[in-house]
């Protein structure tokens, strides 16, 4: 099976798509769990022994670091899913293209003279 789109069937492509999708989600959730639970909660006391910029590291991770990681995970997920969607032929049209389609439909509906219907 190649990435170029030579799939044996829709069923195989669908299964592969969801397998790749699930693998990505599991990896990102693992990072989320490590930062959100392990570092920010369970290891906060030992990390507080390390001081950066006048603040204990455990406090910094719980207050700022975890939020930054969560936002980064959102962008990573969106970027990777765009690539996965594109690789499997299920990507969405660009927003600009969608607007053009809607504008064309509206223009066809109102007609060339701006309000008179044929």
N, C-alpha and C. Protein backbone atom coordinates (compact mmCIF):
# COMPACT_ATOMS: atom_id res chain seq x y z
N UNK A 1 0.86 -1.18 0.00
CA UNK A 1 0.00 0.00 0.00
C UNK A 1 0.89 1.23 0.00
N UNK A 2 0.66 2.14 -0.91
CA UNK A 2 1.49 3.33 -1.01
C UNK A 2 0.71 4.55 -0.59
N UNK A 3 1.44 5.61 -0.28
CA UNK A 3 0.82 6.87 0.12
C UNK A 3 0.25 7.63 -1.07
N UNK A 4 0.55 7.17 -2.31
CA UNK A 4 0.15 7.92 -3.49
C UNK A 4 -1.31 7.74 -3.86
N UNK A 5 -2.04 6.95 -3.13
CA UNK A 5 -3.46 6.82 -3.41
C UNK A 5 -3.82 5.52 -4.09
N UNK A 6 -2.87 4.61 -4.24
CA UNK A 6 -3.15 3.32 -4.87
C UNK A 6 -3.66 2.35 -3.81
N UNK A 7 -4.89 2.54 -3.41
CA UNK A 7 -5.49 1.70 -2.38
C UNK A 7 -6.25 0.57 -3.05
N UNK A 8 -6.36 -0.54 -2.36
CA UNK A 8 -7.11 -1.68 -2.91
C UNK A 8 -8.61 -1.44 -2.89
N UNK A 9 -9.07 -0.65 -1.97
CA UNK A 9 -10.50 -0.36 -1.92
C UNK A 9 -10.80 0.71 -0.91
N UNK A 10 -12.04 1.17 -0.96
CA UNK A 10 -12.46 2.21 -0.02
C UNK A 10 -12.40 1.73 1.42
N UNK A 11 -12.72 0.46 1.63
CA UNK A 11 -12.71 -0.09 2.98
C UNK A 11 -11.30 -0.06 3.57
N UNK A 12 -10.32 -0.46 2.78
CA UNK A 12 -8.93 -0.46 3.24
C UNK A 12 -8.46 0.96 3.53
N UNK A 13 -8.81 1.89 2.64
CA UNK A 13 -8.42 3.29 2.83
C UNK A 13 -9.06 3.85 4.09
N UNK A 14 -10.32 3.54 4.31
CA UNK A 14 -11.03 4.02 5.49
C UNK A 14 -10.42 3.47 6.77
N UNK A 15 -10.11 2.17 6.76
CA UNK A 15 -9.50 1.57 7.95
C UNK A 15 -8.13 2.17 8.23
N UNK A 16 -7.35 2.37 7.19
CA UNK A 16 -6.02 2.96 7.37
C UNK A 16 -6.13 4.40 7.88
N UNK A 17 -7.07 5.15 7.32
CA UNK A 17 -7.28 6.54 7.75
C UNK A 17 -7.59 6.59 9.25
N UNK A 18 -8.51 5.77 9.72
CA UNK A 18 -8.89 5.81 11.12
C UNK A 18 -7.79 5.26 12.02
N UNK A 19 -7.02 4.30 11.52
CA UNK A 19 -5.90 3.78 12.29
C UNK A 19 -4.84 4.88 12.50
N UNK A 20 -4.52 5.62 11.44
CA UNK A 20 -3.55 6.72 11.53
C UNK A 20 -4.10 7.83 12.42
N UNK A 21 -5.38 8.14 12.26
CA UNK A 21 -6.05 9.16 13.06
C UNK A 21 -5.99 8.80 14.54
N UNK A 22 -6.32 7.56 14.87
CA UNK A 22 -6.32 7.12 16.26
C UNK A 22 -4.91 7.12 16.84
N UNK A 23 -3.94 6.71 16.05
CA UNK A 23 -2.54 6.71 16.51
C UNK A 23 -2.10 8.13 16.87
N UNK A 24 -2.45 9.10 16.05
CA UNK A 24 -2.11 10.50 16.34
C UNK A 24 -2.78 10.96 17.63
N UNK A 25 -4.05 10.65 17.78
CA UNK A 25 -4.77 11.06 18.99
C UNK A 25 -4.17 10.45 20.25
N UNK A 26 -3.79 9.19 20.18
CA UNK A 26 -3.19 8.52 21.34
C UNK A 26 -1.87 9.18 21.72
N UNK A 27 -1.05 9.50 20.73
CA UNK A 27 0.23 10.15 21.01
C UNK A 27 0.03 11.52 21.66
N UNK A 28 -0.90 12.31 21.11
CA UNK A 28 -1.13 13.64 21.66
C UNK A 28 -1.77 13.58 23.04
N UNK A 29 -2.66 12.61 23.26
CA UNK A 29 -3.25 12.45 24.59
C UNK A 29 -2.21 12.00 25.61
N UNK A 30 -1.23 11.22 25.16
CA UNK A 30 -0.15 10.80 26.06
C UNK A 30 0.67 12.01 26.50
N UNK A 31 0.98 12.90 25.57
CA UNK A 31 1.70 14.13 25.92
C UNK A 31 0.86 14.96 26.89
N UNK A 32 -0.43 15.08 26.59
CA UNK A 32 -1.34 15.84 27.46
C UNK A 32 -1.35 15.25 28.87
N UNK A 33 -1.43 13.92 28.98
CA UNK A 33 -1.47 13.27 30.29
C UNK A 33 -0.16 13.45 31.05
N UNK A 34 0.95 13.34 30.34
CA UNK A 34 2.25 13.50 31.00
C UNK A 34 2.39 14.91 31.55
N UNK A 35 2.07 15.90 30.74
CA UNK A 35 2.23 17.29 31.18
C UNK A 35 1.16 17.67 32.20
N UNK A 36 -0.10 17.32 31.91
CA UNK A 36 -1.20 17.75 32.75
C UNK A 36 -1.30 17.04 34.08
N UNK A 37 -1.00 15.76 34.09
CA UNK A 37 -1.14 15.00 35.33
C UNK A 37 0.20 14.70 35.99
N UNK A 38 1.10 14.11 35.23
CA UNK A 38 2.36 13.67 35.81
C UNK A 38 3.22 14.86 36.26
N UNK A 39 3.51 15.78 35.35
CA UNK A 39 4.38 16.90 35.71
C UNK A 39 3.69 17.94 36.58
N UNK A 40 2.48 18.32 36.21
CA UNK A 40 1.80 19.43 36.90
C UNK A 40 1.22 19.03 38.25
N UNK A 41 0.90 17.75 38.44
CA UNK A 41 0.26 17.35 39.70
C UNK A 41 1.15 16.41 40.51
N UNK A 42 1.47 15.27 39.92
CA UNK A 42 2.16 14.23 40.69
C UNK A 42 3.63 14.57 40.98
N UNK A 43 4.30 15.21 40.07
CA UNK A 43 5.71 15.54 40.27
C UNK A 43 5.92 17.01 40.60
N UNK A 44 4.88 17.70 41.01
CA UNK A 44 5.01 19.14 41.29
C UNK A 44 5.97 19.41 42.45
N UNK A 45 5.90 18.64 43.51
CA UNK A 45 6.77 18.86 44.67
C UNK A 45 8.25 18.68 44.32
N UNK A 46 8.64 17.57 43.69
CA UNK A 46 10.06 17.46 43.33
C UNK A 46 10.51 18.54 42.34
N UNK A 47 9.63 18.91 41.41
CA UNK A 47 9.98 19.94 40.44
C UNK A 47 10.10 21.32 41.08
N UNK A 48 9.44 21.52 42.21
CA UNK A 48 9.51 22.82 42.90
C UNK A 48 10.89 23.08 43.48
N UNK A 49 11.73 22.05 43.55
CA UNK A 49 13.11 22.23 44.02
C UNK A 49 13.92 23.01 43.00
N UNK A 50 13.49 22.99 41.74
CA UNK A 50 14.18 23.70 40.67
C UNK A 50 13.49 25.06 40.52
N UNK A 51 14.28 26.13 40.61
CA UNK A 51 13.73 27.48 40.52
C UNK A 51 14.22 28.13 39.22
N UNK A 52 13.25 28.61 38.42
CA UNK A 52 13.57 29.30 37.16
C UNK A 52 12.90 30.66 37.19
N UNK A 53 13.70 31.71 37.07
CA UNK A 53 13.15 33.06 37.06
C UNK A 53 12.46 33.43 38.36
N UNK A 54 12.88 32.84 39.47
CA UNK A 54 12.29 33.16 40.76
C UNK A 54 11.05 32.34 41.10
N UNK A 55 10.63 31.47 40.19
CA UNK A 55 9.44 30.64 40.44
C UNK A 55 9.82 29.17 40.42
N UNK A 56 9.22 28.37 41.29
CA UNK A 56 9.48 26.94 41.27
C UNK A 56 8.98 26.32 39.95
N UNK A 57 9.73 25.38 39.41
CA UNK A 57 9.39 24.77 38.13
C UNK A 57 8.03 24.07 38.16
N UNK A 58 7.70 23.40 39.26
CA UNK A 58 6.40 22.74 39.36
C UNK A 58 5.24 23.72 39.25
N UNK A 59 5.38 24.85 39.90
CA UNK A 59 4.37 25.90 39.82
C UNK A 59 4.27 26.43 38.39
N UNK A 60 5.44 26.69 37.77
CA UNK A 60 5.46 27.23 36.42
C UNK A 60 4.79 26.28 35.43
N UNK A 61 5.09 24.99 35.54
CA UNK A 61 4.48 24.01 34.62
C UNK A 61 2.98 23.96 34.83
N UNK A 62 2.54 23.96 36.08
CA UNK A 62 1.10 23.88 36.35
C UNK A 62 0.36 25.13 35.88
N UNK A 63 0.97 26.29 36.00
CA UNK A 63 0.28 27.53 35.67
C UNK A 63 0.45 27.98 34.23
N UNK A 64 1.63 27.86 33.68
CA UNK A 64 1.90 28.37 32.34
C UNK A 64 2.28 27.29 31.35
N UNK A 65 3.17 26.43 31.75
CA UNK A 65 3.70 25.42 30.83
C UNK A 65 2.64 24.49 30.29
N UNK A 66 1.72 24.04 31.15
CA UNK A 66 0.70 23.12 30.68
C UNK A 66 -0.25 23.79 29.69
N UNK A 67 -0.54 25.05 29.92
CA UNK A 67 -1.42 25.78 28.99
C UNK A 67 -0.74 25.92 27.64
N UNK A 68 0.54 26.27 27.64
CA UNK A 68 1.28 26.39 26.38
C UNK A 68 1.33 25.06 25.64
N UNK A 69 1.55 23.99 26.37
CA UNK A 69 1.59 22.66 25.75
C UNK A 69 0.23 22.31 25.17
N UNK A 70 -0.85 22.59 25.88
CA UNK A 70 -2.19 22.27 25.38
C UNK A 70 -2.50 23.03 24.11
N UNK A 71 -2.15 24.31 24.05
CA UNK A 71 -2.38 25.10 22.84
C UNK A 71 -1.53 24.56 21.70
N UNK A 72 -0.28 24.22 21.99
CA UNK A 72 0.59 23.65 20.96
C UNK A 72 0.01 22.34 20.43
N UNK A 73 -0.55 21.51 21.31
CA UNK A 73 -1.15 20.25 20.88
C UNK A 73 -2.32 20.48 19.93
N UNK A 74 -3.08 21.53 20.15
CA UNK A 74 -4.20 21.84 19.25
C UNK A 74 -3.67 22.15 17.85
N UNK A 75 -2.64 22.99 17.77
CA UNK A 75 -2.08 23.33 16.46
C UNK A 75 -1.41 22.13 15.80
N UNK A 76 -0.72 21.32 16.58
CA UNK A 76 -0.09 20.12 16.03
C UNK A 76 -1.15 19.18 15.48
N UNK A 77 -2.24 18.99 16.24
CA UNK A 77 -3.32 18.11 15.78
C UNK A 77 -3.93 18.63 14.48
N UNK A 78 -4.21 19.91 14.42
CA UNK A 78 -4.82 20.48 13.21
C UNK A 78 -3.89 20.32 12.00
N UNK A 79 -2.62 20.60 12.18
CA UNK A 79 -1.65 20.51 11.08
C UNK A 79 -1.51 19.06 10.61
N UNK A 80 -1.35 18.14 11.55
CA UNK A 80 -1.18 16.73 11.19
C UNK A 80 -2.45 16.16 10.55
N UNK A 81 -3.63 16.56 11.05
CA UNK A 81 -4.87 16.04 10.48
C UNK A 81 -5.07 16.57 9.06
N UNK A 82 -4.65 17.80 8.78
CA UNK A 82 -4.72 18.31 7.42
C UNK A 82 -3.90 17.43 6.49
N UNK A 83 -2.70 17.05 6.93
CA UNK A 83 -1.84 16.19 6.11
C UNK A 83 -2.45 14.80 5.96
N UNK A 84 -2.96 14.24 7.04
CA UNK A 84 -3.57 12.91 6.99
C UNK A 84 -4.79 12.93 6.07
N UNK A 85 -5.63 13.96 6.21
CA UNK A 85 -6.80 14.09 5.34
C UNK A 85 -6.39 14.18 3.88
N UNK A 86 -5.38 14.97 3.61
CA UNK A 86 -4.90 15.14 2.24
C UNK A 86 -4.33 13.83 1.69
N UNK A 87 -3.56 13.12 2.50
CA UNK A 87 -2.98 11.84 2.07
C UNK A 87 -4.04 10.79 1.74
N UNK A 88 -5.19 10.88 2.41
CA UNK A 88 -6.25 9.89 2.23
C UNK A 88 -7.40 10.40 1.35
N UNK A 89 -7.24 11.57 0.79
CA UNK A 89 -8.24 12.10 -0.13
C UNK A 89 -9.55 12.52 0.50
N UNK A 90 -9.51 12.93 1.76
CA UNK A 90 -10.73 13.38 2.43
C UNK A 90 -10.59 14.80 2.96
N UNK A 91 -9.66 15.56 2.37
CA UNK A 91 -9.44 16.93 2.83
C UNK A 91 -10.61 17.82 2.43
N UNK A 92 -10.78 18.86 3.21
CA UNK A 92 -11.84 19.82 2.94
C UNK A 92 -11.35 20.85 1.95
N UNK A 93 -12.30 21.48 1.26
CA UNK A 93 -11.93 22.56 0.36
C UNK A 93 -11.44 23.74 1.19
N UNK A 94 -10.61 24.55 0.56
CA UNK A 94 -10.17 25.75 1.25
C UNK A 94 -11.36 26.68 1.45
N UNK A 95 -11.27 27.50 2.47
CA UNK A 95 -12.37 28.41 2.78
C UNK A 95 -12.65 29.34 1.61
N UNK A 96 -11.62 29.78 0.93
CA UNK A 96 -11.80 30.66 -0.23
C UNK A 96 -12.62 29.99 -1.32
N UNK A 97 -12.37 28.72 -1.56
CA UNK A 97 -13.12 27.98 -2.57
C UNK A 97 -14.58 27.83 -2.15
N UNK A 98 -14.81 27.57 -0.88
CA UNK A 98 -16.18 27.43 -0.40
C UNK A 98 -16.95 28.74 -0.57
N UNK A 99 -16.29 29.85 -0.31
CA UNK A 99 -16.94 31.15 -0.49
C UNK A 99 -17.27 31.40 -1.95
N UNK A 100 -16.38 30.99 -2.85
CA UNK A 100 -16.63 31.17 -4.28
C UNK A 100 -17.85 30.36 -4.71
N UNK A 101 -17.98 29.15 -4.20
CA UNK A 101 -19.13 28.31 -4.55
C UNK A 101 -20.43 28.97 -4.08
N UNK A 102 -20.43 29.45 -2.83
CA UNK A 102 -21.62 30.10 -2.28
C UNK A 102 -21.95 31.36 -3.08
N UNK A 103 -20.94 32.16 -3.39
CA UNK A 103 -21.18 33.39 -4.17
C UNK A 103 -21.73 33.07 -5.55
N UNK A 104 -21.23 32.02 -6.17
CA UNK A 104 -21.71 31.62 -7.49
C UNK A 104 -23.18 31.17 -7.41
N UNK A 105 -23.52 30.42 -6.36
CA UNK A 105 -24.90 29.97 -6.19
C UNK A 105 -25.84 31.15 -5.96
N UNK A 106 -25.39 32.11 -5.17
CA UNK A 106 -26.21 33.30 -4.92
C UNK A 106 -26.40 34.08 -6.21
N UNK A 107 -25.33 34.24 -6.98
CA UNK A 107 -25.41 34.96 -8.24
C UNK A 107 -26.37 34.28 -9.21
N UNK A 108 -26.32 32.95 -9.25
CA UNK A 108 -27.25 32.22 -10.13
C UNK A 108 -28.69 32.39 -9.67
N UNK A 109 -28.87 32.48 -8.35
CA UNK A 109 -30.21 32.60 -7.80
C UNK A 109 -30.81 33.98 -8.07
N UNK A 110 -30.02 35.05 -7.93
CA UNK A 110 -30.56 36.40 -8.11
C UNK A 110 -30.55 36.85 -9.56
N UNK A 111 -29.78 36.20 -10.37
CA UNK A 111 -29.77 36.53 -11.78
C UNK A 111 -28.80 37.66 -12.11
N UNK A 112 -28.60 37.91 -13.39
CA UNK A 112 -27.60 38.90 -13.81
C UNK A 112 -27.98 40.34 -13.54
N UNK A 113 -29.28 40.68 -13.41
CA UNK A 113 -29.69 42.08 -13.24
C UNK A 113 -29.89 42.43 -11.76
N UNK A 114 -29.53 41.54 -10.85
CA UNK A 114 -29.53 41.90 -9.42
C UNK A 114 -30.83 41.71 -8.71
N UNK A 115 -31.75 40.99 -9.14
CA UNK A 115 -32.96 40.79 -8.38
C UNK A 115 -34.07 40.19 -9.21
N UNK A 116 -33.96 40.33 -10.50
CA UNK A 116 -34.98 39.75 -11.36
C UNK A 116 -34.64 38.28 -11.60
N UNK A 117 -35.62 37.48 -11.40
CA UNK A 117 -35.42 36.04 -11.63
C UNK A 117 -35.90 35.69 -13.03
N UNK A 118 -35.20 34.81 -13.70
CA UNK A 118 -35.63 34.45 -15.07
C UNK A 118 -36.94 33.71 -15.10
